[in-house]
Amino acid sequence: MKRLLTLVTLLLWGATLLYFCLSGRIASYLHPQFHEYVTAAGLGLLALAALWWWATQETDAVCQDCGYVPATDEPRSRLTAGAAIAFVVLLLPMTVAAFISPGQFGEAMVMNRGMVTDITQLPSAQRTPASWQDAPAWDENVAREDGSWPENQEEGVEYFTRTPDGAIQVETLDLLFAAQEPALREEFENQRVSIVGQYIPPRGEKKGGFDLVRMFVVCCAADARPLGIKVVGEPVEVPRMGWVRITGVARFEDKGGTMEPSLELEKIEQVEAPNESFLY
């Protein structure tokens, strides 16, 4: 019995790791640079299960050569109970992760960890090593071939992708970095931007806007930190922590010596969750 439970444990752990990789759910738990290692671990566990079954195929049989003959009154109930408990303990975390745990963080987690509105609060954050003027030169001829934004668009941020209506596509992390870099902040100030994140409505009696959140991780979900951008505008009927795309005008405000970004709401629309819900 113990042999069988060991085999099942190895098979289920290996299969679950491969399921997370093949289904894409691993993107909600782990930095992409570690995905290949998880796949290798899943394959390794399946191979180990096969080797274990082959190597122990005579364990439960009578071994005349080695002189072992199991006694008819040999107590097996205690061993079976211990193996069953170990089986449950080993498989319970994996079962919860695969079938019970949600695919994303909830609002309670965001409130407990606190929203990061200053990029220097991140453990891995670094100031941009070069100034905005050191950015790669932009080929204007290539940029305007598709005519996706007006010809009279102000220059300086053209190497960002734009939406068909000309809004600059950015991430929460871009605006937080811009807030700490004067030259970059000047370029983004009063620009129309488009940003995807999760909707958090105002809490309690708080009025005058809502928050847009995106999770940032260094390694895995355990160190995830919510990056928050204040959106100034009327709250809308969107599920809590639902994914939305915000189009609005970027603003920066001095909060006691720290510049914090915000968006003046122009348009909001619900969207599907991105393939990689974390920022890195």
C-alpha atoms as a PDB file:
ATOM      1  CA  MET A   1       0.000   0.000   0.000  1.00  0.00           C
ATOM      2  CA  LYS A   2       2.800   2.406   0.926  1.00  0.00           C
ATOM      3  CA  ARG A   3       4.444   1.715  -2.415  1.00  0.00           C
ATOM      4  CA  LEU A   4       1.258   2.551  -4.300  1.00  0.00           C
ATOM      5  CA  LEU A   5       0.657   5.773  -2.365  1.00  0.00           C
ATOM      6  CA  THR A   6       4.218   6.894  -3.062  1.00  0.00           C
ATOM      7  CA  LEU A   7       3.711   6.259  -6.766  1.00  0.00           C
ATOM      8  CA  VAL A   8       0.433   8.193  -6.839  1.00  0.00           C
ATOM      9  CA  THR A   9       2.017  11.104  -4.941  1.00  0.00           C
ATOM     10  CA  LEU A  10       4.867  11.422  -7.445  1.00  0.00           C
ATOM     11  CA  LEU A  11       2.511  11.119 -10.411  1.00  0.00           C
ATOM     12  CA  LEU A  12       0.075  13.727  -9.126  1.00  0.00           C
ATOM     13  CA  TRP A  13       2.771  16.249  -8.195  1.00  0.00           C
ATOM     14  CA  GLY A  14       4.424  15.862 -11.593  1.00  0.00           C
ATOM     15  CA  ALA A  15       1.126  16.026 -13.489  1.00  0.00           C
ATOM     16  CA  THR A  16      -0.025  19.101 -11.545  1.00  0.00           C
ATOM     17  CA  LEU A  17       3.200  21.002 -12.243  1.00  0.00           C
ATOM     18  CA  LEU A  18       2.854  20.215 -15.954  1.00  0.00           C
ATOM     19  CA  TYR A  19      -0.817  21.248 -15.852  1.00  0.00           C
ATOM     20  CA  PHE A  20       0.123  24.656 -14.448  1.00  0.00           C
ATOM     21  CA  CYS A  21       2.734  25.125 -17.179  1.00  0.00           C
ATOM     22  CA  LEU A  22       0.630  23.900 -20.113  1.00  0.00           C
ATOM     23  CA  SER A  23      -2.541  25.734 -19.033  1.00  0.00           C
ATOM     24  CA  GLY A  24      -0.717  29.020 -18.482  1.00  0.00           C
ATOM     25  CA  ARG A  25      -1.846  29.294 -14.856  1.00  0.00           C
ATOM     26  CA  ILE A  26       1.758  29.376 -13.758  1.00  0.00           C
ATOM     27  CA  ALA A  27       1.897  32.976 -15.010  1.00  0.00           C
ATOM     28  CA  SER A  28      -0.257  33.919 -11.996  1.00  0.00           C
ATOM     29  CA  TYR A  29       2.243  32.474  -9.556  1.00  0.00           C
ATOM     30  CA  LEU A  30       5.785  32.681 -10.849  1.00  0.00           C
ATOM     31  CA  HIS A  31       8.199  34.906 -12.772  1.00  0.00           C
ATOM     32  CA  PRO A  32       8.594  33.731 -16.426  1.00  0.00           C
ATOM     33  CA  GLN A  33      12.309  33.008 -15.997  1.00  0.00           C
ATOM     34  CA  PHE A  34      11.414  30.100 -13.689  1.00  0.00           C
ATOM     35  CA  HIS A  35       8.719  28.500 -15.882  1.00  0.00           C
ATOM     36  CA  GLU A  36      11.143  26.172 -17.661  1.00  0.00           C
ATOM     37  CA  TYR A  37      12.431  24.869 -14.339  1.00  0.00           C
ATOM     38  CA  VAL A  38       8.890  24.009 -13.222  1.00  0.00           C
ATOM     39  CA  THR A  39       8.303  22.127 -16.468  1.00  0.00           C
ATOM     40  CA  ALA A  40      11.557  20.221 -15.960  1.00  0.00           C
ATOM     41  CA  ALA A  41      10.558  19.432 -12.369  1.00  0.00           C
ATOM     42  CA  GLY A  42       7.189  18.065 -13.528  1.00  0.00           C
ATOM     43  CA  LEU A  43       8.818  15.813 -16.108  1.00  0.00           C
ATOM     44  CA  GLY A  44      11.425  14.739 -13.563  1.00  0.00           C
ATOM     45  CA  LEU A  45       8.768  13.697 -11.052  1.00  0.00           C
ATOM     46  CA  LEU A  46       6.958  11.605 -13.672  1.00  0.00           C
ATOM     47  CA  ALA A  47      10.240   9.909 -14.579  1.00  0.00           C
ATOM     48  CA  LEU A  48      10.997   9.355 -10.895  1.00  0.00           C
ATOM     49  CA  ALA A  49       7.575   7.743 -10.429  1.00  0.00           C
ATOM     50  CA  ALA A  50       8.299   5.273 -13.218  1.00  0.00           C
ATOM     51  CA  LEU A  51      11.737   4.468 -11.772  1.00  0.00           C
ATOM     52  CA  TRP A  52      10.278   4.059  -8.282  1.00  0.00           C
ATOM     53  CA  TRP A  53       7.663   1.585  -9.502  1.00  0.00           C
ATOM     54  CA  TRP A  54      10.253  -0.425 -11.393  1.00  0.00           C
ATOM     55  CA  ALA A  55      12.821  -0.432  -8.583  1.00  0.00           C
ATOM     56  CA  THR A  56      10.326  -1.470  -5.878  1.00  0.00           C
ATOM     57  CA  GLN A  57       8.256  -3.972  -7.815  1.00  0.00           C
ATOM     58  CA  GLU A  58       9.308  -6.854  -5.516  1.00  0.00           C
ATOM     59  CA  THR A  59       9.101  -4.933  -2.249  1.00  0.00           C
ATOM     60  CA  ASP A  60       5.746  -6.390  -1.247  1.00  0.00           C
ATOM     61  CA  ALA A  61       6.529  -9.870  -2.472  1.00  0.00           C
ATOM     62  CA  VAL A  62       8.121 -12.742  -0.582  1.00  0.00           C
ATOM     63  CA  CYS A  63      11.900 -12.461  -0.985  1.00  0.00           C
ATOM     64  CA  GLN A  64      13.291 -15.967  -0.604  1.00  0.00           C
ATOM     65  CA  ASP A  65      16.816 -14.977  -1.660  1.00  0.00           C
ATOM     66  CA  CYS A  66      17.174 -12.351   1.048  1.00  0.00           C
ATOM     67  CA  GLY A  67      15.471 -14.507   3.638  1.00  0.00           C
ATOM     68  CA  TYR A  68      12.478 -12.185   4.205  1.00  0.00           C
ATOM     69  CA  VAL A  69       9.030 -13.721   4.578  1.00  0.00           C
ATOM     70  CA  PRO A  70       6.306 -11.419   5.907  1.00  0.00           C
ATOM     71  CA  ALA A  71       4.677 -12.839   9.012  1.00  0.00           C
ATOM     72  CA  THR A  72       0.958 -13.441   8.893  1.00  0.00           C
ATOM     73  CA  ASP A  73       0.496 -11.536  12.154  1.00  0.00           C
ATOM     74  CA  GLU A  74       2.767  -8.642  11.150  1.00  0.00           C
ATOM     75  CA  PRO A  75       0.977  -5.401  12.150  1.00  0.00           C
ATOM     76  CA  ARG A  76       0.209  -3.401   9.016  1.00  0.00           C
ATOM     77  CA  SER A  77      -2.586  -1.083  10.169  1.00  0.00           C
ATOM     78  CA  ARG A  78      -0.222   1.444  11.742  1.00  0.00           C
ATOM     79  CA  LEU A  79       1.990   1.572   8.665  1.00  0.00           C
ATOM     80  CA  THR A  80      -1.032   1.957   6.390  1.00  0.00           C
ATOM     81  CA  ALA A  81      -2.476   4.751   8.527  1.00  0.00           C
ATOM     82  CA  GLY A  82       0.838   6.605   8.584  1.00  0.00           C
ATOM     83  CA  ALA A  83       1.232   6.274   4.845  1.00  0.00           C
ATOM     84  CA  ALA A  84      -2.307   7.552   4.305  1.00  0.00           C
ATOM     85  CA  ILE A  85      -1.675  10.599   6.504  1.00  0.00           C
ATOM     86  CA  ALA A  86       1.576  11.366   4.679  1.00  0.00           C
ATOM     87  CA  PHE A  87      -0.277  10.972   1.383  1.00  0.00           C
ATOM     88  CA  VAL A  88      -2.904  13.539   2.415  1.00  0.00           C
ATOM     89  CA  VAL A  89      -0.335  15.980   3.815  1.00  0.00           C
ATOM     90  CA  LEU A  90       1.740  15.855   0.634  1.00  0.00           C
ATOM     91  CA  LEU A  91      -1.178  16.222  -1.756  1.00  0.00           C
ATOM     92  CA  LEU A  92      -3.382  18.708   0.104  1.00  0.00           C
ATOM     93  CA  PRO A  93      -1.333  21.851  -0.809  1.00  0.00           C
ATOM     94  CA  MET A  94      -1.156  20.838  -4.463  1.00  0.00           C
ATOM     95  CA  THR A  95      -4.885  20.059  -4.598  1.00  0.00           C
ATOM     96  CA  VAL A  96      -5.755  23.418  -3.072  1.00  0.00           C
ATOM     97  CA  ALA A  97      -3.443  25.249  -5.484  1.00  0.00           C
ATOM     98  CA  ALA A  98      -4.789  23.443  -8.547  1.00  0.00           C
ATOM     99  CA  PHE A  99      -8.529  23.290  -7.903  1.00  0.00           C
ATOM    100  CA  ILE A 100      -9.500  25.635  -5.067  1.00  0.00           C
ATOM    101  CA  SER A 101      -7.206  28.668  -5.154  1.00  0.00           C
ATOM    102  CA  PRO A 102      -8.347  31.626  -7.286  1.00  0.00           C
ATOM    103  CA  GLY A 103      -6.392  32.585 -10.378  1.00  0.00           C
ATOM    104  CA  GLN A 104      -5.662  36.081  -9.080  1.00  0.00           C
ATOM    105  CA  PHE A 105      -5.330  38.082  -5.879  1.00  0.00           C
ATOM    106  CA  GLY A 106      -8.394  39.547  -4.234  1.00  0.00           C
ATOM    107  CA  GLU A 107      -9.080  43.046  -2.959  1.00  0.00           C
ATOM    108  CA  ALA A 108      -8.404  41.971   0.637  1.00  0.00           C
ATOM    109  CA  MET A 109      -4.817  41.112  -0.269  1.00  0.00           C
ATOM    110  CA  VAL A 110      -4.343  44.535  -1.876  1.00  0.00           C
ATOM    111  CA  MET A 111      -5.667  46.275   1.217  1.00  0.00           C
ATOM    112  CA  ASN A 112      -3.546  44.149   3.571  1.00  0.00           C
ATOM    113  CA  ARG A 113      -0.279  44.736   1.712  1.00  0.00           C
ATOM    114  CA  GLY A 114      -1.035  48.338   0.855  1.00  0.00           C
ATOM    115  CA  MET A 115      -0.870  49.944  -2.572  1.00  0.00           C
ATOM    116  CA  VAL A 116       2.516  51.165  -3.751  1.00  0.00           C
ATOM    117  CA  THR A 117       2.277  54.672  -5.188  1.00  0.00           C
ATOM    118  CA  ASP A 118       5.982  55.474  -4.910  1.00  0.00           C
ATOM    119  CA  ILE A 119       8.356  53.324  -6.979  1.00  0.00           C
ATOM    120  CA  THR A 120      11.103  53.620  -4.344  1.00  0.00           C
ATOM    121  CA  GLN A 121       8.936  51.486  -2.034  1.00  0.00           C
ATOM    122  CA  LEU A 122       9.625  48.421  -4.183  1.00  0.00           C
ATOM    123  CA  PRO A 123      12.522  46.227  -2.966  1.00  0.00           C
ATOM    124  CA  SER A 124      14.026  45.922  -6.458  1.00  0.00           C
ATOM    125  CA  ALA A 125      13.280  49.446  -7.672  1.00  0.00           C
ATOM    126  CA  GLN A 126      16.131  51.483  -9.089  1.00  0.00           C
ATOM    127  CA  ARG A 127      16.195  54.976 -10.426  1.00  0.00           C
ATOM    128  CA  THR A 128      16.568  55.145 -14.173  1.00  0.00           C
ATOM    129  CA  PRO A 129      20.358  55.185 -14.796  1.00  0.00           C
ATOM    130  CA  ALA A 130      20.144  57.594 -17.713  1.00  0.00           C
ATOM    131  CA  SER A 131      18.085  60.625 -18.463  1.00  0.00           C
ATOM    132  CA  TRP A 132      15.110  60.693 -20.795  1.00  0.00           C
ATOM    133  CA  GLN A 133      17.224  62.426 -23.425  1.00  0.00           C
ATOM    134  CA  ASP A 134      19.390  59.279 -23.652  1.00  0.00           C
ATOM    135  CA  ALA A 135      16.482  57.215 -25.048  1.00  0.00           C
ATOM    136  CA  PRO A 136      17.035  55.595 -28.478  1.00  0.00           C
ATOM    137  CA  ALA A 137      16.416  57.844 -31.451  1.00  0.00           C
ATOM    138  CA  TRP A 138      12.950  57.548 -32.947  1.00  0.00           C
ATOM    139  CA  ASP A 139      12.483  56.967 -36.652  1.00  0.00           C
ATOM    140  CA  GLU A 140       9.622  59.316 -37.437  1.00  0.00           C
ATOM    141  CA  ASN A 141       9.127  57.968 -40.963  1.00  0.00           C
ATOM    142  CA  VAL A 142       8.543  54.440 -39.689  1.00  0.00           C
ATOM    143  CA  ALA A 143       6.423  55.702 -36.812  1.00  0.00           C
ATOM    144  CA  ARG A 144       3.858  57.427 -38.976  1.00  0.00           C
ATOM    145  CA  GLU A 145       3.432  54.982 -41.841  1.00  0.00           C
ATOM    146  CA  ASP A 146       0.201  53.495 -40.435  1.00  0.00           C
ATOM    147  CA  GLY A 147      -1.273  56.909 -39.600  1.00  0.00           C
ATOM    148  CA  SER A 148      -2.549  55.563 -36.269  1.00  0.00           C
ATOM    149  CA  TRP A 149      -2.251  58.936 -34.523  1.00  0.00           C
ATOM    150  CA  PRO A 150      -2.463  62.562 -35.622  1.00  0.00           C
ATOM    151  CA  GLU A 151       0.442  64.061 -37.544  1.00  0.00           C
ATOM    152  CA  ASN A 152       0.557  66.993 -35.142  1.00  0.00           C
ATOM    153  CA  GLN A 153       1.068  64.712 -32.112  1.00  0.00           C
ATOM    154  CA  GLU A 154       3.615  66.202 -29.710  1.00  0.00           C
ATOM    155  CA  GLU A 155       6.954  64.402 -30.000  1.00  0.00           C
ATOM    156  CA  GLY A 156       9.113  62.914 -27.252  1.00  0.00           C
ATOM    157  CA  VAL A 157       7.202  59.743 -26.302  1.00  0.00           C
ATOM    158  CA  GLU A 158       6.628  58.282 -29.765  1.00  0.00           C
ATOM    159  CA  TYR A 159       8.540  55.081 -29.175  1.00  0.00           C
ATOM    160  CA  PHE A 160       5.658  53.896 -26.967  1.00  0.00           C
ATOM    161  CA  THR A 161       2.926  51.918 -28.713  1.00  0.00           C
ATOM    162  CA  ARG A 162      -0.253  53.884 -29.235  1.00  0.00           C
ATOM    163  CA  THR A 163      -3.912  52.987 -29.486  1.00  0.00           C
ATOM    164  CA  PRO A 164      -5.796  53.773 -32.711  1.00  0.00           C
ATOM    165  CA  ASP A 165      -7.056  57.032 -31.161  1.00  0.00           C
ATOM    166  CA  GLY A 166      -3.509  58.153 -30.287  1.00  0.00           C
ATOM    167  CA  ALA A 167      -3.324  57.376 -26.558  1.00  0.00           C
ATOM    168  CA  ILE A 168       0.079  56.162 -25.315  1.00  0.00           C
ATOM    169  CA  GLN A 169      -0.065  52.555 -24.121  1.00  0.00           C
ATOM    170  CA  VAL A 170       1.727  52.313 -20.789  1.00  0.00           C
ATOM    171  CA  GLU A 171       1.876  50.120 -17.716  1.00  0.00           C
ATOM    172  CA  THR A 172       1.374  51.172 -14.114  1.00  0.00           C
ATOM    173  CA  LEU A 173       5.105  50.763 -13.604  1.00  0.00           C
ATOM    174  CA  ASP A 174       5.855  53.286 -16.389  1.00  0.00           C
ATOM    175  CA  LEU A 175       3.915  56.064 -14.662  1.00  0.00           C
ATOM    176  CA  LEU A 176       5.453  55.302 -11.273  1.00  0.00           C
ATOM    177  CA  PHE A 177       8.941  55.520 -12.763  1.00  0.00           C
ATOM    178  CA  ALA A 178       7.981  58.697 -14.635  1.00  0.00           C
ATOM    179  CA  ALA A 179       6.924  60.304 -11.361  1.00  0.00           C
ATOM    180  CA  GLN A 180      10.495  59.950 -10.048  1.00  0.00           C
ATOM    181  CA  GLU A 181      12.308  61.077 -13.207  1.00  0.00           C
ATOM    182  CA  PRO A 182      11.786  64.820 -13.862  1.00  0.00           C
ATOM    183  CA  ALA A 183      12.486  64.681 -17.608  1.00  0.00           C
ATOM    184  CA  LEU A 184      10.266  61.662 -18.100  1.00  0.00           C
ATOM    185  CA  ARG A 185       7.563  63.187 -15.924  1.00  0.00           C
ATOM    186  CA  GLU A 186       7.578  66.312 -18.050  1.00  0.00           C
ATOM    187  CA  GLU A 187       7.069  64.218 -21.182  1.00  0.00           C
ATOM    188  CA  PHE A 188       4.085  62.330 -19.751  1.00  0.00           C
ATOM    189  CA  GLU A 189       2.427  65.289 -18.032  1.00  0.00           C
ATOM    190  CA  ASN A 190      -0.945  66.100 -19.690  1.00  0.00           C
ATOM    191  CA  GLN A 191      -0.538  63.282 -22.244  1.00  0.00           C
ATOM    192  CA  ARG A 192      -3.415  60.934 -23.043  1.00  0.00           C
ATOM    193  CA  VAL A 193      -2.473  57.425 -21.939  1.00  0.00           C
ATOM    194  CA  SER A 194      -4.107  54.004 -22.040  1.00  0.00           C
ATOM    195  CA  ILE A 195      -3.424  51.561 -19.224  1.00  0.00           C
ATOM    196  CA  VAL A 196      -4.761  48.124 -18.229  1.00  0.00           C
ATOM    197  CA  GLY A 197      -5.258  47.132 -14.623  1.00  0.00           C
ATOM    198  CA  GLN A 198      -7.700  45.910 -11.994  1.00  0.00           C
ATOM    199  CA  TYR A 199     -10.526  48.089 -10.743  1.00  0.00           C
ATOM    200  CA  ILE A 200     -10.835  48.896  -7.039  1.00  0.00           C
ATOM    201  CA  PRO A 201     -13.837  51.091  -6.159  1.00  0.00           C
ATOM    202  CA  PRO A 202     -13.672  53.804  -3.505  1.00  0.00           C
ATOM    203  CA  ARG A 203     -13.812  52.520   0.058  1.00  0.00           C
ATOM    204  CA  GLY A 204     -16.125  53.815   2.777  1.00  0.00           C
ATOM    205  CA  GLU A 205     -17.034  57.462   2.396  1.00  0.00           C
ATOM    206  CA  LYS A 206     -14.175  58.140   0.024  1.00  0.00           C
ATOM    207  CA  LYS A 207     -15.313  60.118  -3.010  1.00  0.00           C
ATOM    208  CA  GLY A 208     -13.843  61.510  -6.173  1.00  0.00           C
ATOM    209  CA  GLY A 209     -12.389  58.534  -7.977  1.00  0.00           C
ATOM    210  CA  PHE A 210     -11.142  54.973  -7.695  1.00  0.00           C
ATOM    211  CA  ASP A 211      -7.899  53.000  -7.933  1.00  0.00           C
ATOM    212  CA  LEU A 212      -6.312  51.060 -10.770  1.00  0.00           C
ATOM    213  CA  VAL A 213      -4.022  48.272  -9.543  1.00  0.00           C
ATOM    214  CA  ARG A 214      -1.478  45.961 -11.138  1.00  0.00           C
ATOM    215  CA  MET A 215       0.545  43.371  -9.238  1.00  0.00           C
ATOM    216  CA  PHE A 216       4.360  43.541  -9.393  1.00  0.00           C
ATOM    217  CA  VAL A 217       6.534  40.535  -8.519  1.00  0.00           C
ATOM    218  CA  VAL A 218      10.267  39.994  -8.230  1.00  0.00           C
ATOM    219  CA  CYS A 219      10.193  36.202  -8.014  1.00  0.00           C
ATOM    220  CA  CYS A 220       6.761  34.734  -7.294  1.00  0.00           C
ATOM    221  CA  ALA A 221       3.291  35.484  -5.961  1.00  0.00           C
ATOM    222  CA  ALA A 222       4.604  35.415  -2.382  1.00  0.00           C
ATOM    223  CA  ASP A 223       6.434  38.744  -2.864  1.00  0.00           C
ATOM    224  CA  ALA A 224       3.725  40.391  -5.009  1.00  0.00           C
ATOM    225  CA  ARG A 225       3.117  44.079  -4.342  1.00  0.00           C
ATOM    226  CA  PRO A 226       0.114  46.014  -5.682  1.00  0.00           C
ATOM    227  CA  LEU A 227       1.043  49.090  -7.746  1.00  0.00           C
ATOM    228  CA  GLY A 228      -1.730  51.666  -7.539  1.00  0.00           C
ATOM    229  CA  ILE A 229      -2.700  54.600  -9.742  1.00  0.00           C
ATOM    230  CA  LYS A 230      -5.371  57.032  -8.593  1.00  0.00           C
ATOM    231  CA  VAL A 231      -8.067  57.614 -11.231  1.00  0.00           C
ATOM    232  CA  VAL A 232      -9.999  60.868 -10.898  1.00  0.00           C
ATOM    233  CA  GLY A 233     -13.528  60.386 -12.162  1.00  0.00           C
ATOM    234  CA  GLU A 234     -16.869  58.867 -11.261  1.00  0.00           C
ATOM    235  CA  PRO A 235     -16.802  55.191 -10.178  1.00  0.00           C
ATOM    236  CA  VAL A 236     -18.453  52.795 -12.632  1.00  0.00           C
ATOM    237  CA  GLU A 237     -20.304  49.487 -12.463  1.00  0.00           C
ATOM    238  CA  VAL A 238     -17.327  47.153 -12.760  1.00  0.00           C
ATOM    239  CA  PRO A 239     -16.717  44.034 -10.603  1.00  0.00           C
ATOM    240  CA  ARG A 240     -14.175  44.531  -7.841  1.00  0.00           C
ATOM    241  CA  MET A 241     -10.723  43.551  -9.101  1.00  0.00           C
ATOM    242  CA  GLY A 242     -12.184  43.257 -12.602  1.00  0.00           C
ATOM    243  CA  TRP A 243      -9.836  43.973 -15.501  1.00  0.00           C
ATOM    244  CA  VAL A 244     -10.348  47.312 -17.248  1.00  0.00           C
ATOM    245  CA  ARG A 245      -8.623  49.577 -19.716  1.00  0.00           C
ATOM    246  CA  ILE A 246      -8.461  53.212 -18.652  1.00  0.00           C
ATOM    247  CA  THR A 247      -7.920  56.032 -21.101  1.00  0.00           C
ATOM    248  CA  GLY A 248      -7.179  59.364 -19.486  1.00  0.00           C
ATOM    249  CA  VAL A 249      -4.824  62.267 -19.039  1.00  0.00           C
ATOM    250  CA  ALA A 250      -1.694  61.681 -16.940  1.00  0.00           C
ATOM    251  CA  ARG A 251      -1.169  64.019 -13.992  1.00  0.00           C
ATOM    252  CA  PHE A 252       1.492  64.175 -11.293  1.00  0.00           C
ATOM    253  CA  GLU A 253       0.964  65.600  -7.820  1.00  0.00           C
ATOM    254  CA  ASP A 254       3.422  66.403  -5.060  1.00  0.00           C
ATOM    255  CA  LYS A 255       2.438  64.426  -1.963  1.00  0.00           C
ATOM    256  CA  GLY A 256       4.682  65.704   0.811  1.00  0.00           C
ATOM    257  CA  GLY A 257       7.813  65.731  -1.315  1.00  0.00           C
ATOM    258  CA  THR A 258       6.935  62.569  -3.274  1.00  0.00           C
ATOM    259  CA  MET A 259       5.499  62.836  -6.756  1.00  0.00           C
ATOM    260  CA  GLU A 260       2.571  60.492  -7.337  1.00  0.00           C
ATOM    261  CA  PRO A 261       0.883  59.829 -10.693  1.00  0.00           C
ATOM    262  CA  SER A 262      -2.842  59.920 -11.343  1.00  0.00           C
ATOM    263  CA  LEU A 263      -5.178  59.727 -14.310  1.00  0.00           C
ATOM    264  CA  GLU A 264      -7.977  62.092 -15.221  1.00  0.00           C
ATOM    265  CA  LEU A 265     -10.594  59.674 -16.482  1.00  0.00           C
ATOM    266  CA  GLU A 266     -11.710  59.957 -20.089  1.00  0.00           C
ATOM    267  CA  LYS A 267     -12.900  56.435 -20.891  1.00  0.00           C
ATOM    268  CA  ILE A 268     -13.117  53.059 -19.147  1.00  0.00           C
ATOM    269  CA  GLU A 269     -13.889  49.662 -20.648  1.00  0.00           C
ATOM    270  CA  GLN A 270     -13.830  46.099 -19.346  1.00  0.00           C
ATOM    271  CA  VAL A 271     -11.240  43.800 -20.926  1.00  0.00           C
ATOM    272  CA  GLU A 272     -10.034  40.232 -20.621  1.00  0.00           C
ATOM    273  CA  ALA A 273      -7.226  39.532 -18.180  1.00  0.00           C
ATOM    274  CA  PRO A 274      -3.813  39.654 -19.899  1.00  0.00           C
ATOM    275  CA  ASN A 275      -1.896  36.416 -20.410  1.00  0.00           C
ATOM    276  CA  GLU A 276       0.614  37.566 -17.808  1.00  0.00           C
ATOM    277  CA  SER A 277      -1.270  39.289 -15.036  1.00  0.00           C
ATOM    278  CA  PHE A 278       1.903  40.345 -13.192  1.00  0.00           C
ATOM    279  CA  LEU A 279       4.401  43.057 -13.959  1.00  0.00           C
ATOM    280  CA  TYR A 280       8.086  42.204 -13.484  1.00  0.00           C
END
